[in-house]
Amino acid sequence: IQQVFNYPQINVDVDRTLAAEVGLTQRDV
């Protein structure tokens, strides 16, 4: 099978509400 579906990856899931309280956005992260 040509396509690979188990490439290792690190997911960073930002809590947007928390970030907004300290004046940061997803874009800054």
PDB file of all heavy atoms in Angstrom:
ATOM      1  N   ILE A   1       0.865  -1.175   0.000  1.00  0.00           N
ATOM      2  CA  ILE A   1       0.000   0.000   0.000  1.00  0.00           C
ATOM      3  C   ILE A   1       0.902   1.226   0.000  1.00  0.00           C
ATOM      4  O   ILE A   1       1.808   1.327   0.832  1.00  0.00           O
ATOM      5  CB  ILE A   1      -0.949  -0.006   1.227  1.00  0.00           C
ATOM      6  CG1 ILE A   1      -1.961  -1.139   1.085  1.00  0.00           C
ATOM      7  CG2 ILE A   1      -1.669   1.337   1.358  1.00  0.00           C
ATOM      8  CD1 ILE A   1      -2.962  -1.239   2.207  1.00  0.00           C
ATOM      9  N   GLN A   2       0.681   2.118  -0.941  1.00  0.00           N
ATOM     10  CA  GLN A   2       1.575   3.258  -1.100  1.00  0.00           C
ATOM     11  C   GLN A   2       1.449   4.255   0.054  1.00  0.00           C
ATOM     12  O   GLN A   2       2.431   4.775   0.542  1.00  0.00           O
ATOM     13  CB  GLN A   2       1.267   3.908  -2.463  1.00  0.00           C
ATOM     14  CG  GLN A   2       1.718   5.356  -2.620  1.00  0.00           C
ATOM     15  CD  GLN A   2       3.217   5.505  -2.552  1.00  0.00           C
ATOM     16  OE1 GLN A   2       3.957   4.542  -2.536  1.00  0.00           O
ATOM     17  NE2 GLN A   2       3.662   6.738  -2.478  1.00  0.00           N
ATOM     18  N   GLN A   3       0.212   4.542   0.497  1.00  0.00           N
ATOM     19  CA  GLN A   3       0.017   5.568   1.525  1.00  0.00           C
ATOM     20  C   GLN A   3       0.355   5.017   2.908  1.00  0.00           C
ATOM     21  O   GLN A   3       0.107   3.848   3.192  1.00  0.00           O
ATOM     22  CB  GLN A   3      -1.437   6.068   1.521  1.00  0.00           C
ATOM     23  CG  GLN A   3      -1.780   6.968   0.355  1.00  0.00           C
ATOM     24  CD  GLN A   3      -1.919   6.222  -0.957  1.00  0.00           C
ATOM     25  OE1 GLN A   3      -2.020   5.017  -0.973  1.00  0.00           O
ATOM     26  NE2 GLN A   3      -1.911   6.945  -2.059  1.00  0.00           N
ATOM     27  N   VAL A   4       0.915   5.898   3.736  1.00  0.00           N
ATOM     28  CA  VAL A   4       1.299   5.514   5.102  1.00  0.00           C
ATOM     29  C   VAL A   4       0.322   6.166   6.065  1.00  0.00           C
ATOM     30  O   VAL A   4       0.053   7.360   5.959  1.00  0.00           O
ATOM     31  CB  VAL A   4       2.736   6.007   5.385  1.00  0.00           C
ATOM     32  CG1 VAL A   4       3.048   5.934   6.866  1.00  0.00           C
ATOM     33  CG2 VAL A   4       3.730   5.176   4.609  1.00  0.00           C
ATOM     34  N   PHE A   5      -0.218   5.384   6.999  1.00  0.00           N
ATOM     35  CA  PHE A   5      -1.200   5.950   7.929  1.00  0.00           C
ATOM     36  C   PHE A   5      -0.719   5.921   9.374  1.00  0.00           C
ATOM     37  O   PHE A   5      -1.459   6.235  10.281  1.00  0.00           O
ATOM     38  CB  PHE A   5      -2.538   5.199   7.806  1.00  0.00           C
ATOM     39  CG  PHE A   5      -3.298   5.577   6.573  1.00  0.00           C
ATOM     40  CD1 PHE A   5      -3.015   4.984   5.358  1.00  0.00           C
ATOM     41  CD2 PHE A   5      -4.259   6.562   6.608  1.00  0.00           C
ATOM     42  CE1 PHE A   5      -3.691   5.355   4.208  1.00  0.00           C
ATOM     43  CE2 PHE A   5      -4.941   6.941   5.468  1.00  0.00           C
ATOM     44  CZ  PHE A   5      -4.653   6.340   4.269  1.00  0.00           C
ATOM     45  N   ASN A   6       0.532   5.530   9.586  1.00  0.00           N
ATOM     46  CA  ASN A   6       1.026   5.474  10.967  1.00  0.00           C
ATOM     47  C   ASN A   6       2.291   6.303  11.131  1.00  0.00           C
ATOM     48  O   ASN A   6       3.251   5.897  11.765  1.00  0.00           O
ATOM     49  CB  ASN A   6       1.275   4.011  11.376  1.00  0.00           C
ATOM     50  CG  ASN A   6       2.239   3.320  10.434  1.00  0.00           C
ATOM     51  OD1 ASN A   6       2.519   3.820   9.347  1.00  0.00           O
ATOM     52  ND2 ASN A   6       2.745   2.173  10.840  1.00  0.00           N
ATOM     53  N   TYR A   7       2.293   7.475  10.489  1.00  0.00           N
ATOM     54  CA  TYR A   7       3.445   8.370  10.620  1.00  0.00           C
ATOM     55  C   TYR A   7       3.381   9.033  11.992  1.00  0.00           C
ATOM     56  O   TYR A   7       2.331   9.549  12.372  1.00  0.00           O
ATOM     57  CB  TYR A   7       3.391   9.427   9.518  1.00  0.00           C
ATOM     58  CG  TYR A   7       4.733  10.025   9.203  1.00  0.00           C
ATOM     59  CD1 TYR A   7       5.572   9.419   8.277  1.00  0.00           C
ATOM     60  CD2 TYR A   7       5.161  11.181   9.844  1.00  0.00           C
ATOM     61  CE1 TYR A   7       6.810   9.965   7.988  1.00  0.00           C
ATOM     62  CE2 TYR A   7       6.406  11.722   9.560  1.00  0.00           C
ATOM     63  CZ  TYR A   7       7.219  11.105   8.635  1.00  0.00           C
ATOM     64  OH  TYR A   7       8.451  11.634   8.363  1.00  0.00           O
ATOM     65  N   PRO A   8       4.473   9.022  12.792  1.00  0.00           N
ATOM     66  CA  PRO A   8       4.394   9.575  14.149  1.00  0.00           C
ATOM     67  C   PRO A   8       4.157  11.088  14.119  1.00  0.00           C
ATOM     68  O   PRO A   8       4.747  11.790  13.307  1.00  0.00           O
ATOM     69  CB  PRO A   8       5.752   9.242  14.756  1.00  0.00           C
ATOM     70  CG  PRO A   8       6.632   8.926  13.619  1.00  0.00           C
ATOM     71  CD  PRO A   8       5.793   8.478  12.489  1.00  0.00           C
ATOM     72  N   GLN A   9       3.286  11.560  15.005  1.00  0.00           N
ATOM     73  CA  GLN A   9       2.952  12.982  14.998  1.00  0.00           C
ATOM     74  C   GLN A   9       2.665  13.435  16.424  1.00  0.00           C
ATOM     75  O   GLN A   9       2.162  12.657  17.238  1.00  0.00           O
ATOM     76  CB  GLN A   9       1.718  13.157  14.104  1.00  0.00           C
ATOM     77  CG  GLN A   9       0.893  14.397  14.355  1.00  0.00           C
ATOM     78  CD  GLN A   9      -0.215  14.550  13.321  1.00  0.00           C
ATOM     79  OE1 GLN A   9       0.063  14.605  12.133  1.00  0.00           O
ATOM     80  NE2 GLN A   9      -1.452  14.594  13.755  1.00  0.00           N
ATOM     81  N   ILE A  10       2.988  14.683  16.725  1.00  0.00           N
ATOM     82  CA  ILE A  10       2.662  15.251  18.040  1.00  0.00           C
ATOM     83  C   ILE A  10       1.539  16.257  17.843  1.00  0.00           C
ATOM     84  O   ILE A  10       1.658  17.181  17.028  1.00  0.00           O
ATOM     85  CB  ILE A  10       3.909  15.930  18.665  1.00  0.00           C
ATOM     86  CG1 ILE A  10       4.966  14.868  18.955  1.00  0.00           C
ATOM     87  CG2 ILE A  10       3.539  16.686  19.926  1.00  0.00           C
ATOM     88  CD1 ILE A  10       6.297  15.428  19.383  1.00  0.00           C
ATOM     89  N   ASN A  11       0.422  16.050  18.546  1.00  0.00           N
ATOM     90  CA  ASN A  11      -0.719  16.958  18.435  1.00  0.00           C
ATOM     91  C   ASN A  11      -0.707  17.929  19.609  1.00  0.00           C
ATOM     92  O   ASN A  11      -0.633  17.511  20.753  1.00  0.00           O
ATOM     93  CB  ASN A  11      -2.037  16.179  18.451  1.00  0.00           C
ATOM     94  CG  ASN A  11      -2.015  15.030  17.463  1.00  0.00           C
ATOM     95  OD1 ASN A  11      -1.697  15.219  16.302  1.00  0.00           O
ATOM     96  ND2 ASN A  11      -2.334  13.826  17.944  1.00  0.00           N
ATOM     97  N   VAL A  12      -0.792  19.217  19.309  1.00  0.00           N
ATOM     98  CA  VAL A  12      -0.871  20.245  20.347  1.00  0.00           C
ATOM     99  C   VAL A  12      -2.291  20.817  20.300  1.00  0.00           C
ATOM    100  O   VAL A  12      -2.657  21.476  19.331  1.00  0.00           O
ATOM    101  CB  VAL A  12       0.175  21.358  20.100  1.00  0.00           C
ATOM    102  CG1 VAL A  12       0.027  22.454  21.139  1.00  0.00           C
ATOM    103  CG2 VAL A  12       1.567  20.772  20.119  1.00  0.00           C
ATOM    104  N   ASP A  13      -3.075  20.528  21.342  1.00  0.00           N
ATOM    105  CA  ASP A  13      -4.465  20.978  21.355  1.00  0.00           C
ATOM    106  C   ASP A  13      -4.588  22.151  22.330  1.00  0.00           C
ATOM    107  O   ASP A  13      -4.529  21.964  23.552  1.00  0.00           O
ATOM    108  CB  ASP A  13      -5.350  19.800  21.787  1.00  0.00           C
ATOM    109  CG  ASP A  13      -6.814  20.106  21.576  1.00  0.00           C
ATOM    110  OD1 ASP A  13      -7.097  21.127  20.913  1.00  0.00           O
ATOM    111  OD2 ASP A  13      -7.661  19.349  22.081  1.00  0.00           O
ATOM    112  N   VAL A  14      -4.754  23.353  21.803  1.00  0.00           N
ATOM    113  CA  VAL A  14      -4.756  24.561  22.636  1.00  0.00           C
ATOM    114  C   VAL A  14      -6.151  24.781  23.245  1.00  0.00           C
ATOM    115  O   VAL A  14      -7.157  24.666  22.553  1.00  0.00           O
ATOM    116  CB  VAL A  14      -4.351  25.795  21.795  1.00  0.00           C
ATOM    117  CG1 VAL A  14      -4.405  27.066  22.627  1.00  0.00           C
ATOM    118  CG2 VAL A  14      -2.965  25.591  21.202  1.00  0.00           C
ATOM    119  N   ASP A  15      -6.181  25.078  24.551  1.00  0.00           N
ATOM    120  CA  ASP A  15      -7.433  25.473  25.203  1.00  0.00           C
ATOM    121  C   ASP A  15      -7.630  26.966  24.921  1.00  0.00           C
ATOM    122  O   ASP A  15      -7.009  27.819  25.553  1.00  0.00           O
ATOM    123  CB  ASP A  15      -7.320  25.208  26.717  1.00  0.00           C
ATOM    124  CG  ASP A  15      -8.639  25.463  27.431  1.00  0.00           C
ATOM    125  OD1 ASP A  15      -9.424  26.292  26.916  1.00  0.00           O
ATOM    126  OD2 ASP A  15      -8.870  24.852  28.485  1.00  0.00           O
ATOM    127  N   ARG A  16      -8.495  27.274  23.982  1.00  0.00           N
ATOM    128  CA  ARG A  16      -8.586  28.660  23.491  1.00  0.00           C
ATOM    129  C   ARG A  16      -9.112  29.624  24.557  1.00  0.00           C
ATOM    130  O   ARG A  16      -8.698  30.768  24.619  1.00  0.00           O
ATOM    131  CB  ARG A  16      -9.487  28.725  22.261  1.00  0.00           C
ATOM    132  CG  ARG A  16      -8.878  27.934  21.120  1.00  0.00           C
ATOM    133  CD  ARG A  16      -9.689  28.026  19.873  1.00  0.00           C
ATOM    134  NE  ARG A  16      -9.092  27.169  18.850  1.00  0.00           N
ATOM    135  CZ  ARG A  16      -9.188  27.395  17.554  1.00  0.00           C
ATOM    136  NH1 ARG A  16      -9.852  28.422  17.124  1.00  0.00           N
ATOM    137  NH2 ARG A  16      -8.627  26.592  16.693  1.00  0.00           N
ATOM    138  N   THR A  17     -10.040  29.136  25.384  1.00  0.00           N
ATOM    139  CA  THR A  17     -10.599  30.013  26.434  1.00  0.00           C
ATOM    140  C   THR A  17      -9.496  30.439  27.390  1.00  0.00           C
ATOM    141  O   THR A  17      -9.341  31.617  27.727  1.00  0.00           O
ATOM    142  CB  THR A  17     -11.695  29.249  27.214  1.00  0.00           C
ATOM    143  OG1 THR A  17     -12.377  28.391  26.315  1.00  0.00           O
ATOM    144  CG2 THR A  17     -12.666  30.203  27.863  1.00  0.00           C
ATOM    145  N   LEU A  18      -8.688  29.454  27.805  1.00  0.00           N
ATOM    146  CA  LEU A  18      -7.590  29.717  28.723  1.00  0.00           C
ATOM    147  C   LEU A  18      -6.590  30.690  28.098  1.00  0.00           C
ATOM    148  O   LEU A  18      -6.123  31.635  28.735  1.00  0.00           O
ATOM    149  CB  LEU A  18      -6.904  28.380  29.047  1.00  0.00           C
ATOM    150  CG  LEU A  18      -6.067  28.312  30.310  1.00  0.00           C
ATOM    151  CD1 LEU A  18      -6.943  28.558  31.530  1.00  0.00           C
ATOM    152  CD2 LEU A  18      -5.411  26.936  30.417  1.00  0.00           C
ATOM    153  N   ALA A  19      -6.290  30.459  26.806  1.00  0.00           N
ATOM    154  CA  ALA A  19      -5.326  31.313  26.113  1.00  0.00           C
ATOM    155  C   ALA A  19      -5.852  32.744  26.020  1.00  0.00           C
ATOM    156  O   ALA A  19      -5.101  33.707  26.215  1.00  0.00           O
ATOM    157  CB  ALA A  19      -5.056  30.747  24.726  1.00  0.00           C
ATOM    158  N   ALA A  20      -7.166  32.869  25.758  1.00  0.00           N
ATOM    159  CA  ALA A  20      -7.741  34.214  25.604  1.00  0.00           C
ATOM    160  C   ALA A  20      -7.659  34.995  26.915  1.00  0.00           C
ATOM    161  O   ALA A  20      -7.482  36.220  26.913  1.00  0.00           O
ATOM    162  CB  ALA A  20      -9.178  34.104  25.142  1.00  0.00           C
ATOM    163  N   GLU A  21      -7.774  34.284  28.059  1.00  0.00           N
ATOM    164  CA  GLU A  21      -7.733  34.966  29.359  1.00  0.00           C
ATOM    165  C   GLU A  21      -6.379  35.615  29.616  1.00  0.00           C
ATOM    166  O   GLU A  21      -6.290  36.623  30.302  1.00  0.00           O
ATOM    167  CB  GLU A  21      -8.079  33.982  30.480  1.00  0.00           C
ATOM    168  CG  GLU A  21      -9.571  33.725  30.578  1.00  0.00           C
ATOM    169  CD  GLU A  21      -9.929  32.711  31.640  1.00  0.00           C
ATOM    170  OE1 GLU A  21      -9.034  32.355  32.424  1.00  0.00           O
ATOM    171  OE2 GLU A  21     -11.079  32.271  31.670  1.00  0.00           O
ATOM    172  N   VAL A  22      -5.318  35.020  29.077  1.00  0.00           N
ATOM    173  CA  VAL A  22      -3.989  35.614  29.275  1.00  0.00           C
ATOM    174  C   VAL A  22      -3.556  36.419  28.055  1.00  0.00           C
ATOM    175  O   VAL A  22      -2.367  36.732  27.884  1.00  0.00           O
ATOM    176  CB  VAL A  22      -2.928  34.531  29.622  1.00  0.00           C
ATOM    177  CG1 VAL A  22      -3.218  33.911  30.963  1.00  0.00           C
ATOM    178  CG2 VAL A  22      -2.860  33.473  28.536  1.00  0.00           C
ATOM    179  N   GLY A  23      -4.530  36.698  27.161  1.00  0.00           N
ATOM    180  CA  GLY A  23      -4.246  37.579  26.024  1.00  0.00           C
ATOM    181  C   GLY A  23      -3.499  36.929  24.880  1.00  0.00           C
ATOM    182  O   GLY A  23      -2.778  37.594  24.149  1.00  0.00           O
ATOM    183  N   LEU A  24      -3.648  35.594  24.741  1.00  0.00           N
ATOM    184  CA  LEU A  24      -2.978  34.911  23.617  1.00  0.00           C
ATOM    185  C   LEU A  24      -4.030  34.262  22.712  1.00  0.00           C
ATOM    186  O   LEU A  24      -5.108  33.891  23.159  1.00  0.00           O
ATOM    187  CB  LEU A  24      -2.018  33.838  24.140  1.00  0.00           C
ATOM    188  CG  LEU A  24      -0.793  34.343  24.895  1.00  0.00           C
ATOM    189  CD1 LEU A  24      -0.061  33.176  25.526  1.00  0.00           C
ATOM    190  CD2 LEU A  24       0.146  35.104  23.980  1.00  0.00           C
ATOM    191  N   THR A  25      -3.677  34.090  21.421  1.00  0.00           N
ATOM    192  CA  THR A  25      -4.592  33.432  20.482  1.00  0.00           C
ATOM    193  C   THR A  25      -3.918  32.188  19.906  1.00  0.00           C
ATOM    194  O   THR A  25      -2.715  31.975  20.097  1.00  0.00           O
ATOM    195  CB  THR A  25      -4.937  34.367  19.312  1.00  0.00           C
ATOM    196  OG1 THR A  25      -3.722  34.648  18.618  1.00  0.00           O
ATOM    197  CG2 THR A  25      -5.571  35.662  19.778  1.00  0.00           C
ATOM    198  N   GLN A  26      -4.715  31.426  19.199  1.00  0.00           N
ATOM    199  CA  GLN A  26      -4.204  30.220  18.531  1.00  0.00           C
ATOM    200  C   GLN A  26      -3.055  30.598  17.593  1.00  0.00           C
ATOM    201  O   GLN A  26      -2.071  29.878  17.467  1.00  0.00           O
ATOM    202  CB  GLN A  26      -5.356  29.595  17.737  1.00  0.00           C
ATOM    203  CG  GLN A  26      -4.978  28.368  16.934  1.00  0.00           C
ATOM    204  CD  GLN A  26      -5.052  27.095  17.742  1.00  0.00           C
ATOM    205  OE1 GLN A  26      -5.503  27.092  18.882  1.00  0.00           O
ATOM    206  NE2 GLN A  26      -4.595  26.005  17.173  1.00  0.00           N
ATOM    207  N   ARG A  27      -3.186  31.755  16.968  1.00  0.00           N
ATOM    208  CA  ARG A  27      -2.174  32.190  16.001  1.00  0.00           C
ATOM    209  C   ARG A  27      -0.827  32.444  16.685  1.00  0.00           C
ATOM    210  O   ARG A  27       0.230  32.095  16.138  1.00  0.00           O
ATOM    211  CB  ARG A  27      -2.665  33.457  15.319  1.00  0.00           C
ATOM    212  CG  ARG A  27      -1.748  33.880  14.212  1.00  0.00           C
ATOM    213  CD  ARG A  27      -2.243  35.128  13.546  1.00  0.00           C
ATOM    214  NE  ARG A  27      -1.245  35.587  12.597  1.00  0.00           N
ATOM    215  CZ  ARG A  27      -1.322  36.733  11.963  1.00  0.00           C
ATOM    216  NH1 ARG A  27      -2.345  37.528  12.171  1.00  0.00           N
ATOM    217  NH2 ARG A  27      -0.385  37.103  11.125  1.00  0.00           N
ATOM    218  N   ASP A  28      -0.863  33.001  17.887  1.00  0.00           N
ATOM    219  CA  ASP A  28       0.393  33.239  18.616  1.00  0.00           C
ATOM    220  C   ASP A  28       1.090  31.915  18.926  1.00  0.00           C
ATOM    221  O   ASP A  28       2.313  31.796  18.807  1.00  0.00           O
ATOM    222  CB  ASP A  28       0.104  33.984  19.931  1.00  0.00           C
ATOM    223  CG  ASP A  28      -0.499  35.359  19.679  1.00  0.00           C
ATOM    224  OD1 ASP A  28      -0.120  35.981  18.669  1.00  0.00           O
ATOM    225  OD2 ASP A  28      -1.339  35.798  20.484  1.00  0.00           O
ATOM    226  N   VAL A  29       0.271  30.926  19.326  1.00  0.00           N
ATOM    227  CA  VAL A  29       0.840  29.607  19.647  1.00  0.00           C
ATOM    228  C   VAL A  29       1.500  29.022  18.395  1.00  0.00           C
ATOM    229  O   VAL A  29       2.638  28.548  18.423  1.00  0.00           O
ATOM    230  CB  VAL A  29      -0.258  28.657  20.177  1.00  0.00           C
ATOM    231  CG1 VAL A  29       0.318  27.268  20.426  1.00  0.00           C
ATOM    232  CG2 VAL A  29      -0.866  29.208  21.456  1.00  0.00           C
TER     233      VAL A  29
END
